[in-house]
Every structure is written in structure tokens, then in C-alpha cells.
Amino acid sequence: MAATNIECVKIKRNEAGGYPELQAIDETNGALIDYREADQKILIILSAGAASKVTVHGGNGVQGTDEATFEFDMQSGDTNTLVLESGMYMDVKENKGKVKITTDGTVSIGAIALP
């Protein structure tokens, strides 16, 4: 199965906006989040269905390195949010404009592009 592709739900200032439908992260290939909006305006939402370790992979651009990769644990029922710097985490080659997140458990993900 291919990686789960996550498109950002765009919301507008001073208007009621939508909430992303959270999608399960593929346990083999992870999730690729579209990160072509301004990075400081993308809010990533993660929801765990079981205890899991989540890994945010470093990008392959000038600022991206394996050292940028980090992990955190989530317990069943946890909801976490992330805002990431694109320069450190975005793929500029094979999956251009995407950030990769993987998990060893049951985690769903969505993203919102803030105005």
C-alpha cells in the first residue's frame, strides 16, 4: 500500500472552517503531508487509537538531516498537534513538497492550513 497522502484543509480568517477528516497512517509507508503552504501556518493533528511511537522524518533539503528526525510516544486516546519548520522536514526530491510521518501503531492524521 502507498503512503497516506494528507491534503491540508484551508480555513479563512473570520469564517467558520472545516476540520480535516483524520486518516490512518499507513504502518508500512507512513503519511505524506502536503507542505506547500507557509510552514508556520500548517497545524498537524494526530490521534492515537492505540499506544504508538510516532516518527517525524528529517527532510532532504539544505537544512534537513537525519539528526532532524525525532520521535514521540502517544497513548490510546491521545490527541497531539505539531507545527513543523519546512526547511528541516520537507522532502525536496522524490516526494517534493511533502513531510513524512510514520508510526509503529494506530495513529490517524490530518492537517489544517491557517490563514
PDB file of N, CA and C in Angstrom:
ATOM      1  N   MET A   1       0.844  -1.178   0.000  1.00  0.00           N
ATOM      2  CA  MET A   1       0.000   0.000   0.000  1.00  0.00           C
ATOM      3  C   MET A   1       0.886   1.237   0.000  1.00  0.00           C
ATOM      4  N   ALA A   2       0.446   2.283  -0.645  1.00  0.00           N
ATOM      5  CA  ALA A   2       1.198   3.532  -0.727  1.00  0.00           C
ATOM      6  C   ALA A   2       1.035   4.329   0.563  1.00  0.00           C
ATOM      7  N   ALA A   3       1.894   5.324   0.702  1.00  0.00           N
ATOM      8  CA  ALA A   3       1.796   6.218   1.853  1.00  0.00           C
ATOM      9  C   ALA A   3       0.447   6.930   1.837  1.00  0.00           C
ATOM     10  N   THR A   4      -0.039   7.259   3.024  1.00  0.00           N
ATOM     11  CA  THR A   4      -1.280   8.023   3.155  1.00  0.00           C
ATOM     12  C   THR A   4      -0.988   9.470   2.764  1.00  0.00           C
ATOM     13  N   ASN A   5      -1.674   9.991   1.763  1.00  0.00           N
ATOM     14  CA  ASN A   5      -1.480  11.376   1.336  1.00  0.00           C
ATOM     15  C   ASN A   5      -2.444  12.284   2.080  1.00  0.00           C
ATOM     16  N   ILE A   6      -1.894  13.312   2.721  1.00  0.00           N
ATOM     17  CA  ILE A   6      -2.694  14.231   3.526  1.00  0.00           C
ATOM     18  C   ILE A   6      -2.680  15.610   2.884  1.00  0.00           C
ATOM     19  N   GLU A   7      -3.840  16.086   2.497  1.00  0.00           N
ATOM     20  CA  GLU A   7      -4.006  17.445   1.985  1.00  0.00           C
ATOM     21  C   GLU A   7      -4.493  18.329   3.130  1.00  0.00           C
ATOM     22  N   CYS A   8      -4.012  19.549   3.183  1.00  0.00           N
ATOM     23  CA  CYS A   8      -4.432  20.479   4.232  1.00  0.00           C
ATOM     24  C   CYS A   8      -5.829  21.001   3.957  1.00  0.00           C
ATOM     25  N   VAL A   9      -6.629  21.099   5.006  1.00  0.00           N
ATOM     26  CA  VAL A   9      -7.914  21.785   4.928  1.00  0.00           C
ATOM     27  C   VAL A   9      -7.607  23.264   5.125  1.00  0.00           C
ATOM     28  N   LYS A  10      -7.965  24.088   4.153  1.00  0.00           N
ATOM     29  CA  LYS A  10      -7.682  25.523   4.243  1.00  0.00           C
ATOM     30  C   LYS A  10      -8.864  26.227   4.890  1.00  0.00           C
ATOM     31  N   ILE A  11      -8.558  27.043   5.872  1.00  0.00           N
ATOM     32  CA  ILE A  11      -9.612  27.833   6.504  1.00  0.00           C
ATOM     33  C   ILE A  11      -9.327  29.310   6.277  1.00  0.00           C
ATOM     34  N   LYS A  12     -10.386  30.112   6.345  1.00  0.00           N
ATOM     35  CA  LYS A  12     -10.268  31.557   6.116  1.00  0.00           C
ATOM     36  C   LYS A  12     -10.476  32.301   7.423  1.00  0.00           C
ATOM     37  N   ARG A  13      -9.813  33.415   7.511  1.00  0.00           N
ATOM     38  CA  ARG A  13      -9.942  34.271   8.690  1.00  0.00           C
ATOM     39  C   ARG A  13     -11.381  34.793   8.815  1.00  0.00           C
ATOM     40  N   ASN A  14     -11.887  34.822  10.031  1.00  0.00           N
ATOM     41  CA  ASN A  14     -13.210  35.354  10.365  1.00  0.00           C
ATOM     42  C   ASN A  14     -14.365  34.591   9.725  1.00  0.00           C
ATOM     43  N   GLU A  15     -14.122  33.312   9.406  1.00  0.00           N
ATOM     44  CA  GLU A  15     -15.179  32.452   8.875  1.00  0.00           C
ATOM     45  C   GLU A  15     -15.096  31.095   9.561  1.00  0.00           C
ATOM     46  N   ALA A  16     -16.238  30.462   9.741  1.00  0.00           N
ATOM     47  CA  ALA A  16     -16.226  29.095  10.262  1.00  0.00           C
ATOM     48  C   ALA A  16     -15.563  28.217   9.214  1.00  0.00           C
ATOM     49  N   GLY A  17     -14.686  27.333   9.669  1.00  0.00           N
ATOM     50  CA  GLY A  17     -13.958  26.485   8.729  1.00  0.00           C
ATOM     51  C   GLY A  17     -14.171  25.017   9.020  1.00  0.00           C
ATOM     52  N   GLY A  18     -13.728  24.210   8.100  1.00  0.00           N
ATOM     53  CA  GLY A  18     -13.848  22.764   8.243  1.00  0.00           C
ATOM     54  C   GLY A  18     -12.754  22.187   9.116  1.00  0.00           C
ATOM     55  N   TYR A  19     -12.941  20.948   9.492  1.00  0.00           N
ATOM     56  CA  TYR A  19     -11.962  20.196  10.273  1.00  0.00           C
ATOM     57  C   TYR A  19     -11.570  19.002   9.414  1.00  0.00           C
ATOM     58  N   PRO A  20     -10.296  18.673   9.346  1.00  0.00           N
ATOM     59  CA  PRO A  20      -9.900  17.576   8.451  1.00  0.00           C
ATOM     60  C   PRO A  20     -10.440  16.229   8.919  1.00  0.00           C
ATOM     61  N   GLU A  21     -10.773  15.392   7.959  1.00  0.00           N
ATOM     62  CA  GLU A  21     -11.113  14.008   8.277  1.00  0.00           C
ATOM     63  C   GLU A  21      -9.792  13.300   8.523  1.00  0.00           C
ATOM     64  N   LEU A  22      -9.587  12.829   9.742  1.00  0.00           N
ATOM     65  CA  LEU A  22      -8.321  12.190  10.075  1.00  0.00           C
ATOM     66  C   LEU A  22      -8.229  10.843   9.369  1.00  0.00           C
ATOM     67  N   GLN A  23      -7.073  10.580   8.765  1.00  0.00           N
ATOM     68  CA  GLN A  23      -6.842   9.348   8.018  1.00  0.00           C
ATOM     69  C   GLN A  23      -5.779   8.512   8.729  1.00  0.00           C
ATOM     70  N   ALA A  24      -5.938   7.218   8.696  1.00  0.00           N
ATOM     71  CA  ALA A  24      -4.964   6.319   9.328  1.00  0.00           C
ATOM     72  C   ALA A  24      -3.626   6.409   8.606  1.00  0.00           C
ATOM     73  N   ILE A  25      -2.559   6.508   9.383  1.00  0.00           N
ATOM     74  CA  ILE A  25      -1.212   6.491   8.812  1.00  0.00           C
ATOM     75  C   ILE A  25      -0.892   5.061   8.400  1.00  0.00           C
ATOM     76  N   ASP A  26      -0.458   4.877   7.153  1.00  0.00           N
ATOM     77  CA  ASP A  26      -0.073   3.560   6.672  1.00  0.00           C
ATOM     78  C   ASP A  26       1.129   3.075   7.481  1.00  0.00           C
ATOM     79  N   GLU A  27       1.004   1.896   8.114  1.00  0.00           N
ATOM     80  CA  GLU A  27       2.061   1.406   9.001  1.00  0.00           C
ATOM     81  C   GLU A  27       3.334   1.015   8.254  1.00  0.00           C
ATOM     82  N   THR A  28       3.246   0.770   6.959  1.00  0.00           N
ATOM     83  CA  THR A  28       4.430   0.410   6.177  1.00  0.00           C
ATOM     84  C   THR A  28       5.109   1.636   5.584  1.00  0.00           C
ATOM     85  N   ASN A  29       4.327   2.521   4.959  1.00  0.00           N
ATOM     86  CA  ASN A  29       4.891   3.646   4.214  1.00  0.00           C
ATOM     87  C   ASN A  29       4.657   5.008   4.848  1.00  0.00           C
ATOM     88  N   GLY A  30       3.921   5.061   5.944  1.00  0.00           N
ATOM     89  CA  GLY A  30       3.699   6.323   6.637  1.00  0.00           C
ATOM     90  C   GLY A  30       2.703   7.238   5.947  1.00  0.00           C
ATOM     91  N   ALA A  31       2.792   8.520   6.300  1.00  0.00           N
ATOM     92  CA  ALA A  31       1.924   9.549   5.729  1.00  0.00           C
ATOM     93  C   ALA A  31       2.789  10.654   5.147  1.00  0.00           C
ATOM     94  N   LEU A  32       2.333  11.223   4.041  1.00  0.00           N
ATOM     95  CA  LEU A  32       2.998  12.356   3.412  1.00  0.00           C
ATOM     96  C   LEU A  32       2.049  13.547   3.470  1.00  0.00           C
ATOM     97  N   ILE A  33       2.470  14.598   4.154  1.00  0.00           N
ATOM     98  CA  ILE A  33       1.634  15.780   4.335  1.00  0.00           C
ATOM     99  C   ILE A  33       2.049  16.843   3.321  1.00  0.00           C
ATOM    100  N   ASP A  34       1.068  17.368   2.592  1.00  0.00           N
ATOM    101  CA  ASP A  34       1.325  18.441   1.638  1.00  0.00           C
ATOM    102  C   ASP A  34       1.777  19.676   2.421  1.00  0.00           C
ATOM    103  N   TYR A  35       2.999  20.118   2.185  1.00  0.00           N
ATOM    104  CA  TYR A  35       3.584  21.206   2.962  1.00  0.00           C
ATOM    105  C   TYR A  35       3.958  22.387   2.080  1.00  0.00           C
ATOM    106  N   ARG A  36       3.131  22.639   1.046  1.00  0.00           N
ATOM    107  CA  ARG A  36       3.448  23.724   0.124  1.00  0.00           C
ATOM    108  C   ARG A  36       2.873  25.067   0.570  1.00  0.00           C
ATOM    109  N   GLU A  37       2.100  25.085   1.656  1.00  0.00           N
ATOM    110  CA  GLU A  37       1.638  26.350   2.243  1.00  0.00           C
ATOM    111  C   GLU A  37       2.765  26.892   3.114  1.00  0.00           C
ATOM    112  N   ALA A  38       2.608  28.092   3.629  1.00  0.00           N
ATOM    113  CA  ALA A  38       3.607  28.641   4.553  1.00  0.00           C
ATOM    114  C   ALA A  38       3.693  27.730   5.769  1.00  0.00           C
ATOM    115  N   ASP A  39       4.899  27.239   6.083  1.00  0.00           N
ATOM    116  CA  ASP A  39       5.045  26.211   7.115  1.00  0.00           C
ATOM    117  C   ASP A  39       4.538  26.631   8.480  1.00  0.00           C
ATOM    118  N   GLN A  40       4.664  27.892   8.833  1.00  0.00           N
ATOM    119  CA  GLN A  40       4.211  28.332  10.148  1.00  0.00           C
ATOM    120  C   GLN A  40       2.685  28.369  10.243  1.00  0.00           C
ATOM    121  N   LYS A  41       2.014  28.108   9.147  1.00  0.00           N
ATOM    122  CA  LYS A  41       0.555  28.137   9.132  1.00  0.00           C
ATOM    123  C   LYS A  41      -0.072  26.753   9.009  1.00  0.00           C
ATOM    124  N   ILE A  42       0.731  25.703   9.050  1.00  0.00           N
ATOM    125  CA  ILE A  42       0.188  24.343   8.939  1.00  0.00           C
ATOM    126  C   ILE A  42       0.168  23.693  10.315  1.00  0.00           C
ATOM    127  N   LEU A  43      -1.022  23.300  10.731  1.00  0.00           N
ATOM    128  CA  LEU A  43      -1.229  22.615  12.005  1.00  0.00           C
ATOM    129  C   LEU A  43      -1.524  21.155  11.707  1.00  0.00           C
ATOM    130  N   ILE A  44      -0.660  20.259  12.201  1.00  0.00           N
ATOM    131  CA  ILE A  44      -0.834  18.816  12.019  1.00  0.00           C
ATOM    132  C   ILE A  44      -1.530  18.268  13.258  1.00  0.00           C
ATOM    133  N   ILE A  45      -2.547  17.449  13.052  1.00  0.00           N
ATOM    134  CA  ILE A  45      -3.319  16.860  14.144  1.00  0.00           C
ATOM    135  C   ILE A  45      -3.137  15.349  14.108  1.00  0.00           C
ATOM    136  N   LEU A  46      -2.776  14.770  15.249  1.00  0.00           N
ATOM    137  CA  LEU A  46      -2.571  13.323  15.359  1.00  0.00           C
ATOM    138  C   LEU A  46      -3.467  12.766  16.454  1.00  0.00           C
ATOM    139  N   SER A  47      -4.097  11.635  16.188  1.00  0.00           N
ATOM    140  CA  SER A  47      -4.977  10.989  17.153  1.00  0.00           C
ATOM    141  C   SER A  47      -4.625   9.506  17.225  1.00  0.00           C
ATOM    142  N   ALA A  48      -4.309   9.026  18.433  1.00  0.00           N
ATOM    143  CA  ALA A  48      -3.886   7.639  18.605  1.00  0.00           C
ATOM    144  C   ALA A  48      -5.056   6.741  18.994  1.00  0.00           C
ATOM    145  N   GLY A  49      -5.183   5.612  18.289  1.00  0.00           N
ATOM    146  CA  GLY A  49      -6.181   4.606  18.627  1.00  0.00           C
ATOM    147  C   GLY A  49      -5.609   3.524  19.517  1.00  0.00           C
ATOM    148  N   ALA A  50      -4.279   3.510  19.645  1.00  0.00           N
ATOM    149  CA  ALA A  50      -3.565   2.553  20.495  1.00  0.00           C
ATOM    150  C   ALA A  50      -2.214   3.170  20.831  1.00  0.00           C
ATOM    151  N   ALA A  51      -1.555   2.659  21.850  1.00  0.00           N
ATOM    152  CA  ALA A  51      -0.229   3.152  22.205  1.00  0.00           C
ATOM    153  C   ALA A  51       0.687   3.028  20.987  1.00  0.00           C
ATOM    154  N   SER A  52       1.374   4.113  20.647  1.00  0.00           N
ATOM    155  CA  SER A  52       2.168   4.153  19.414  1.00  0.00           C
ATOM    156  C   SER A  52       3.365   5.071  19.573  1.00  0.00           C
ATOM    157  N   LYS A  53       4.380   4.816  18.762  1.00  0.00           N
ATOM    158  CA  LYS A  53       5.517   5.722  18.625  1.00  0.00           C
ATOM    159  C   LYS A  53       5.377   6.391  17.264  1.00  0.00           C
ATOM    160  N   VAL A  54       5.452   7.716  17.242  1.00  0.00           N
ATOM    161  CA  VAL A  54       5.341   8.488  16.014  1.00  0.00           C
ATOM    162  C   VAL A  54       6.721   9.043  15.676  1.00  0.00           C
ATOM    163  N   THR A  55       7.106   8.955  14.397  1.00  0.00           N
ATOM    164  CA  THR A  55       8.390   9.469  13.943  1.00  0.00           C
ATOM    165  C   THR A  55       8.169  10.525  12.875  1.00  0.00           C
ATOM    166  N   VAL A  56       8.769  11.698  13.088  1.00  0.00           N
ATOM    167  CA  VAL A  56       8.769  12.774  12.101  1.00  0.00           C
ATOM    168  C   VAL A  56      10.150  12.730  11.448  1.00  0.00           C
ATOM    169  N   HIS A  57      10.176  12.502  10.147  1.00  0.00           N
ATOM    170  CA  HIS A  57      11.438  12.293   9.435  1.00  0.00           C
ATOM    171  C   HIS A  57      12.048  13.608   8.967  1.00  0.00           C
ATOM    172  N   GLY A  58      13.370  13.722   9.109  1.00  0.00           N
ATOM    173  CA  GLY A  58      14.091  14.879   8.598  1.00  0.00           C
ATOM    174  C   GLY A  58      13.979  14.931   7.084  1.00  0.00           C
ATOM    175  N   GLY A  59      14.001  16.136   6.542  1.00  0.00           N
ATOM    176  CA  GLY A  59      13.905  16.312   5.097  1.00  0.00           C
ATOM    177  C   GLY A  59      15.234  16.068   4.410  1.00  0.00           C
ATOM    178  N   ASN A  60      15.262  16.331   3.100  1.00  0.00           N
ATOM    179  CA  ASN A  60      16.488  16.115   2.344  1.00  0.00           C
ATOM    180  C   ASN A  60      16.939  17.381   1.626  1.00  0.00           C
ATOM    181  N   GLY A  61      16.500  18.534   2.127  1.00  0.00           N
ATOM    182  CA  GLY A  61      16.962  19.810   1.592  1.00  0.00           C
ATOM    183  C   GLY A  61      18.209  20.270   2.329  1.00  0.00           C
ATOM    184  N   VAL A  62      18.559  21.522   2.179  1.00  0.00           N
ATOM    185  CA  VAL A  62      19.766  22.081   2.782  1.00  0.00           C
ATOM    186  C   VAL A  62      19.747  21.945   4.306  1.00  0.00           C
ATOM    187  N   GLN A  63      18.601  22.215   4.937  1.00  0.00           N
ATOM    188  CA  GLN A  63      18.511  22.156   6.397  1.00  0.00           C
ATOM    189  C   GLN A  63      18.162  20.761   6.923  1.00  0.00           C
ATOM    190  N   GLY A  64      17.645  19.920   6.076  1.00  0.00           N
ATOM    191  CA  GLY A  64      17.192  18.598   6.514  1.00  0.00           C
ATOM    192  C   GLY A  64      18.340  17.627   6.696  1.00  0.00           C
ATOM    193  N   THR A  65      18.320  16.919   7.810  1.00  0.00           N
ATOM    194  CA  THR A  65      19.326  15.892   8.071  1.00  0.00           C
ATOM    195  C   THR A  65      18.654  14.775   8.848  1.00  0.00           C
ATOM    196  N   ASP A  66      19.335  13.641   8.924  1.00  0.00           N
ATOM    197  CA  ASP A  66      18.815  12.548   9.749  1.00  0.00           C
ATOM    198  C   ASP A  66      18.705  12.977  11.204  1.00  0.00           C
ATOM    199  N   GLU A  67      19.563  13.911  11.615  1.00  0.00           N
ATOM    200  CA  GLU A  67      19.537  14.392  13.001  1.00  0.00           C
ATOM    201  C   GLU A  67      18.261  15.177  13.312  1.00  0.00           C
ATOM    202  N   ALA A  68      17.591  15.687  12.276  1.00  0.00           N
ATOM    203  CA  ALA A  68      16.341  16.412  12.492  1.00  0.00           C
ATOM    204  C   ALA A  68      15.198  15.466  12.842  1.00  0.00           C
ATOM    205  N   THR A  69      15.318  14.195  12.474  1.00  0.00           N
ATOM    206  CA  THR A  69      14.279  13.209  12.761  1.00  0.00           C
ATOM    207  C   THR A  69      14.065  13.111  14.271  1.00  0.00           C
ATOM    208  N   PHE A  70      12.795  13.090  14.685  1.00  0.00           N
ATOM    209  CA  PHE A  70      12.500  12.912  16.108  1.00  0.00           C
ATOM    210  C   PHE A  70      11.294  12.018  16.287  1.00  0.00           C
ATOM    211  N   GLU A  71      11.163  11.457  17.491  1.00  0.00           N
ATOM    212  CA  GLU A  71      10.074  10.543  17.833  1.00  0.00           C
ATOM    213  C   GLU A  71       9.388  11.009  19.108  1.00  0.00           C
ATOM    214  N   PHE A  72       8.125  10.618  19.228  1.00  0.00           N
ATOM    215  CA  PHE A  72       7.409  10.830  20.483  1.00  0.00           C
ATOM    216  C   PHE A  72       6.369   9.736  20.635  1.00  0.00           C
ATOM    217  N   ASP A  73       6.009   9.460  21.879  1.00  0.00           N
ATOM    218  CA  ASP A  73       5.037   8.415  22.181  1.00  0.00           C
ATOM    219  C   ASP A  73       3.646   9.009  22.337  1.00  0.00           C
ATOM    220  N   MET A  74       2.654   8.236  21.917  1.00  0.00           N
ATOM    221  CA  MET A  74       1.251   8.591  22.125  1.00  0.00           C
ATOM    222  C   MET A  74       0.561   7.405  22.773  1.00  0.00           C
ATOM    223  N   GLN A  75      -0.310   7.672  23.706  1.00  0.00           N
ATOM    224  CA  GLN A  75      -1.109   6.635  24.344  1.00  0.00           C
ATOM    225  C   GLN A  75      -2.480   6.577  23.672  1.00  0.00           C
ATOM    226  N   SER A  76      -3.163   5.471  23.825  1.00  0.00           N
ATOM    227  CA  SER A  76      -4.501   5.321  23.259  1.00  0.00           C
ATOM    228  C   SER A  76      -5.393   6.466  23.718  1.00  0.00           C
ATOM    229  N   GLY A  77      -6.048   7.122  22.780  1.00  0.00           N
ATOM    230  CA  GLY A  77      -6.944   8.232  23.093  1.00  0.00           C
ATOM    231  C   GLY A  77      -6.272   9.598  23.074  1.00  0.00           C
ATOM    232  N   ASP A  78      -4.938   9.649  22.980  1.00  0.00           N
ATOM    233  CA  ASP A  78      -4.225  10.934  22.933  1.00  0.00           C
ATOM    234  C   ASP A  78      -4.491  11.655  21.619  1.00  0.00           C
ATOM    235  N   THR A  79      -4.526  12.984  21.694  1.00  0.00           N
ATOM    236  CA  THR A  79      -4.539  13.838  20.515  1.00  0.00           C
ATOM    237  C   THR A  79      -3.409  14.842  20.678  1.00  0.00           C
ATOM    238  N   ASN A  80      -2.535  14.921  19.691  1.00  0.00           N
ATOM    239  CA  ASN A  80      -1.412  15.853  19.709  1.00  0.00           C
ATOM    240  C   ASN A  80      -1.451  16.735  18.472  1.00  0.00           C
ATOM    241  N   THR A  81      -0.797  17.883  18.560  1.00  0.00           N
ATOM    242  CA  THR A  81      -0.661  18.768  17.414  1.00  0.00           C
ATOM    243  C   THR A  81       0.810  19.089  17.200  1.00  0.00           C
ATOM    244  N   LEU A  82       1.154  19.402  15.961  1.00  0.00           N
ATOM    245  CA  LEU A  82       2.520  19.763  15.596  1.00  0.00           C
ATOM    246  C   LEU A  82       2.492  20.921  14.616  1.00  0.00           C
ATOM    247  N   VAL A  83       3.474  21.804  14.718  1.00  0.00           N
ATOM    248  CA  VAL A  83       3.775  22.799  13.701  1.00  0.00           C
ATOM    249  C   VAL A  83       5.265  22.619  13.418  1.00  0.00           C
ATOM    250  N   LEU A  84       5.612  22.300  12.179  1.00  0.00           N
ATOM    251  CA  LEU A  84       6.993  21.976  11.819  1.00  0.00           C
ATOM    252  C   LEU A  84       7.584  23.006  10.868  1.00  0.00           C
ATOM    253  N   GLU A  85       8.878  23.205  10.981  1.00  0.00           N
ATOM    254  CA  GLU A  85       9.614  24.053  10.048  1.00  0.00           C
ATOM    255  C   GLU A  85       9.866  23.259   8.774  1.00  0.00           C
ATOM    256  N   SER A  86       9.420  23.780   7.658  1.00  0.00           N
ATOM    257  CA  SER A  86       9.533  23.025   6.404  1.00  0.00           C
ATOM    258  C   SER A  86      10.979  22.767   6.003  1.00  0.00           C
ATOM    259  N   GLY A  87      11.867  23.712   6.230  1.00  0.00           N
ATOM    260  CA  GLY A  87      13.252  23.545   5.807  1.00  0.00           C
ATOM    261  C   GLY A  87      13.918  22.325   6.406  1.00  0.00           C
ATOM    262  N   MET A  88      13.560  21.963   7.614  1.00  0.00           N
ATOM    263  CA  MET A  88      14.178  20.811   8.276  1.00  0.00           C
ATOM    264  C   MET A  88      13.486  19.494   7.942  1.00  0.00           C
ATOM    265  N   TYR A  89      12.214  19.549   7.558  1.00  0.00           N
ATOM    266  CA  TYR A  89      11.434  18.314   7.454  1.00  0.00           C
ATOM    267  C   TYR A  89      10.851  18.028   6.066  1.00  0.00           C
ATOM    268  N   MET A  90      10.873  18.979   5.156  1.00  0.00           N
ATOM    269  CA  MET A  90      10.229  18.770   3.866  1.00  0.00           C
ATOM    270  C   MET A  90      11.153  18.050   2.880  1.00  0.00           C
ATOM    271  N   ASP A  91      10.557  17.137   2.113  1.00  0.00           N
ATOM    272  CA  ASP A  91      11.245  16.431   1.039  1.00  0.00           C
ATOM    273  C   ASP A  91      11.299  17.367  -0.175  1.00  0.00           C
ATOM    274  N   VAL A  92      12.464  17.523  -0.759  1.00  0.00           N
ATOM    275  CA  VAL A  92      12.596  18.362  -1.953  1.00  0.00           C
ATOM    276  C   VAL A  92      12.961  17.530  -3.183  1.00  0.00           C
ATOM    277  N   LYS A  93      12.932  16.205  -3.036  1.00  0.00           N
ATOM    278  CA  LYS A  93      13.317  15.318  -4.143  1.00  0.00           C
ATOM    279  C   LYS A  93      12.152  14.415  -4.529  1.00  0.00           C
ATOM    280  N   GLU A  94      12.162  13.163  -4.086  1.00  0.00           N
ATOM    281  CA  GLU A  94      11.191  12.155  -4.523  1.00  0.00           C
ATOM    282  C   GLU A  94       9.740  12.545  -4.221  1.00  0.00           C
ATOM    283  N   ASN A  95       9.473  12.998  -3.006  1.00  0.00           N
ATOM    284  CA  ASN A  95       8.117  13.406  -2.598  1.00  0.00           C
ATOM    285  C   ASN A  95       8.099  14.913  -2.365  1.00  0.00           C
ATOM    286  N   LYS A  96       8.464  15.648  -3.397  1.00  0.00           N
ATOM    287  CA  LYS A  96       8.661  17.099  -3.319  1.00  0.00           C
ATOM    288  C   LYS A  96       7.461  17.805  -2.688  1.00  0.00           C
ATOM    289  N   GLY A  97       7.770  18.653  -1.689  1.00  0.00           N
ATOM    290  CA  GLY A  97       6.730  19.441  -1.029  1.00  0.00           C
ATOM    291  C   GLY A  97       5.981  18.692   0.051  1.00  0.00           C
ATOM    292  N   LYS A  98       6.469  17.519   0.464  1.00  0.00           N
ATOM    293  CA  LYS A  98       5.780  16.695   1.465  1.00  0.00           C
ATOM    294  C   LYS A  98       6.652  16.490   2.694  1.00  0.00           C
ATOM    295  N   VAL A  99       6.005  16.307   3.838  1.00  0.00           N
ATOM    296  CA  VAL A  99       6.671  15.941   5.086  1.00  0.00           C
ATOM    297  C   VAL A  99       6.220  14.522   5.415  1.00  0.00           C
ATOM    298  N   LYS A 100       7.171  13.658   5.806  1.00  0.00           N
ATOM    299  CA  LYS A 100       6.856  12.254   6.083  1.00  0.00           C
ATOM    300  C   LYS A 100       6.781  11.998   7.582  1.00  0.00           C
ATOM    301  N   ILE A 101       5.683  11.343   7.990  1.00  0.00           N
ATOM    302  CA  ILE A 101       5.486  10.914   9.369  1.00  0.00           C
ATOM    303  C   ILE A 101       5.114   9.438   9.348  1.00  0.00           C
ATOM    304  N   THR A 102       5.762   8.652  10.219  1.00  0.00           N
ATOM    305  CA  THR A 102       5.464   7.224  10.306  1.00  0.00           C
ATOM    306  C   THR A 102       5.083   6.873  11.742  1.00  0.00           C
ATOM    307  N   THR A 103       4.522   5.680  11.909  1.00  0.00           N
ATOM    308  CA  THR A 103       4.151   5.201  13.242  1.00  0.00           C
ATOM    309  C   THR A 103       4.293   3.687  13.301  1.00  0.00           C
ATOM    310  N   ASP A 104       4.451   3.178  14.512  1.00  0.00           N
ATOM    311  CA  ASP A 104       4.500   1.726  14.695  1.00  0.00           C
ATOM    312  C   ASP A 104       3.182   1.206  15.231  1.00  0.00           C
ATOM    313  N   GLY A 105       2.160   2.059  15.267  1.00  0.00           N
ATOM    314  CA  GLY A 105       0.865   1.665  15.834  1.00  0.00           C
ATOM    315  C   GLY A 105      -0.301   2.245  15.065  1.00  0.00           C
ATOM    316  N   THR A 106      -1.372   2.526  15.784  1.00  0.00           N
ATOM    317  CA  THR A 106      -2.604   3.017  15.182  1.00  0.00           C
ATOM    318  C   THR A 106      -2.751   4.513  15.464  1.00  0.00           C
ATOM    319  N   VAL A 107      -2.398   5.323  14.472  1.00  0.00           N
ATOM    320  CA  VAL A 107      -2.490   6.781  14.602  1.00  0.00           C
ATOM    321  C   VAL A 107      -3.134   7.329  13.341  1.00  0.00           C
ATOM    322  N   SER A 108      -4.052   8.263  13.520  1.00  0.00           N
ATOM    323  CA  SER A 108      -4.679   8.955  12.399  1.00  0.00           C
ATOM    324  C   SER A 108      -4.164  10.379  12.367  1.00  0.00           C
ATOM    325  N   ILE A 109      -4.199  10.984  11.170  1.00  0.00           N
ATOM    326  CA  ILE A 109      -3.574  12.289  10.967  1.00  0.00           C
ATOM    327  C   ILE A 109      -4.409  13.160  10.041  1.00  0.00           C
ATOM    328  N   GLY A 110      -4.317  14.457  10.251  1.00  0.00           N
ATOM    329  CA  GLY A 110      -4.942  15.439   9.380  1.00  0.00           C
ATOM    330  C   GLY A 110      -4.152  16.733   9.502  1.00  0.00           C
ATOM    331  N   ALA A 111      -4.450  17.701   8.639  1.00  0.00           N
ATOM    332  CA  ALA A 111      -3.726  18.975   8.679  1.00  0.00           C
ATOM    333  C   ALA A 111      -4.641  20.123   8.305  1.00  0.00           C
ATOM    334  N   ILE A 112      -4.392  21.258   8.939  1.00  0.00           N
ATOM    335  CA  ILE A 112      -5.133  22.483   8.671  1.00  0.00           C
ATOM    336  C   ILE A 112      -4.138  23.549   8.259  1.00  0.00           C
ATOM    337  N   ALA A 113      -4.444  24.275   7.154  1.00  0.00           N
ATOM    338  CA  ALA A 113      -3.655  25.427   6.741  1.00  0.00           C
ATOM    339  C   ALA A 113      -4.365  26.664   7.266  1.00  0.00           C
ATOM    340  N   LEU A 114      -3.742  27.330   8.227  1.00  0.00           N
ATOM    341  CA  LEU A 114      -4.326  28.523   8.834  1.00  0.00           C
ATOM    342  C   LEU A 114      -4.144  29.734   7.932  1.00  0.00           C
ATOM    343  N   PRO A 115      -5.021  30.733   8.053  1.00  0.00           N
ATOM    344  CA  PRO A 115      -4.884  31.927   7.203  1.00  0.00           C
ATOM    345  C   PRO A 115      -3.676  32.769   7.593  1.00  0.00           C
TER     346      PRO A 115
END
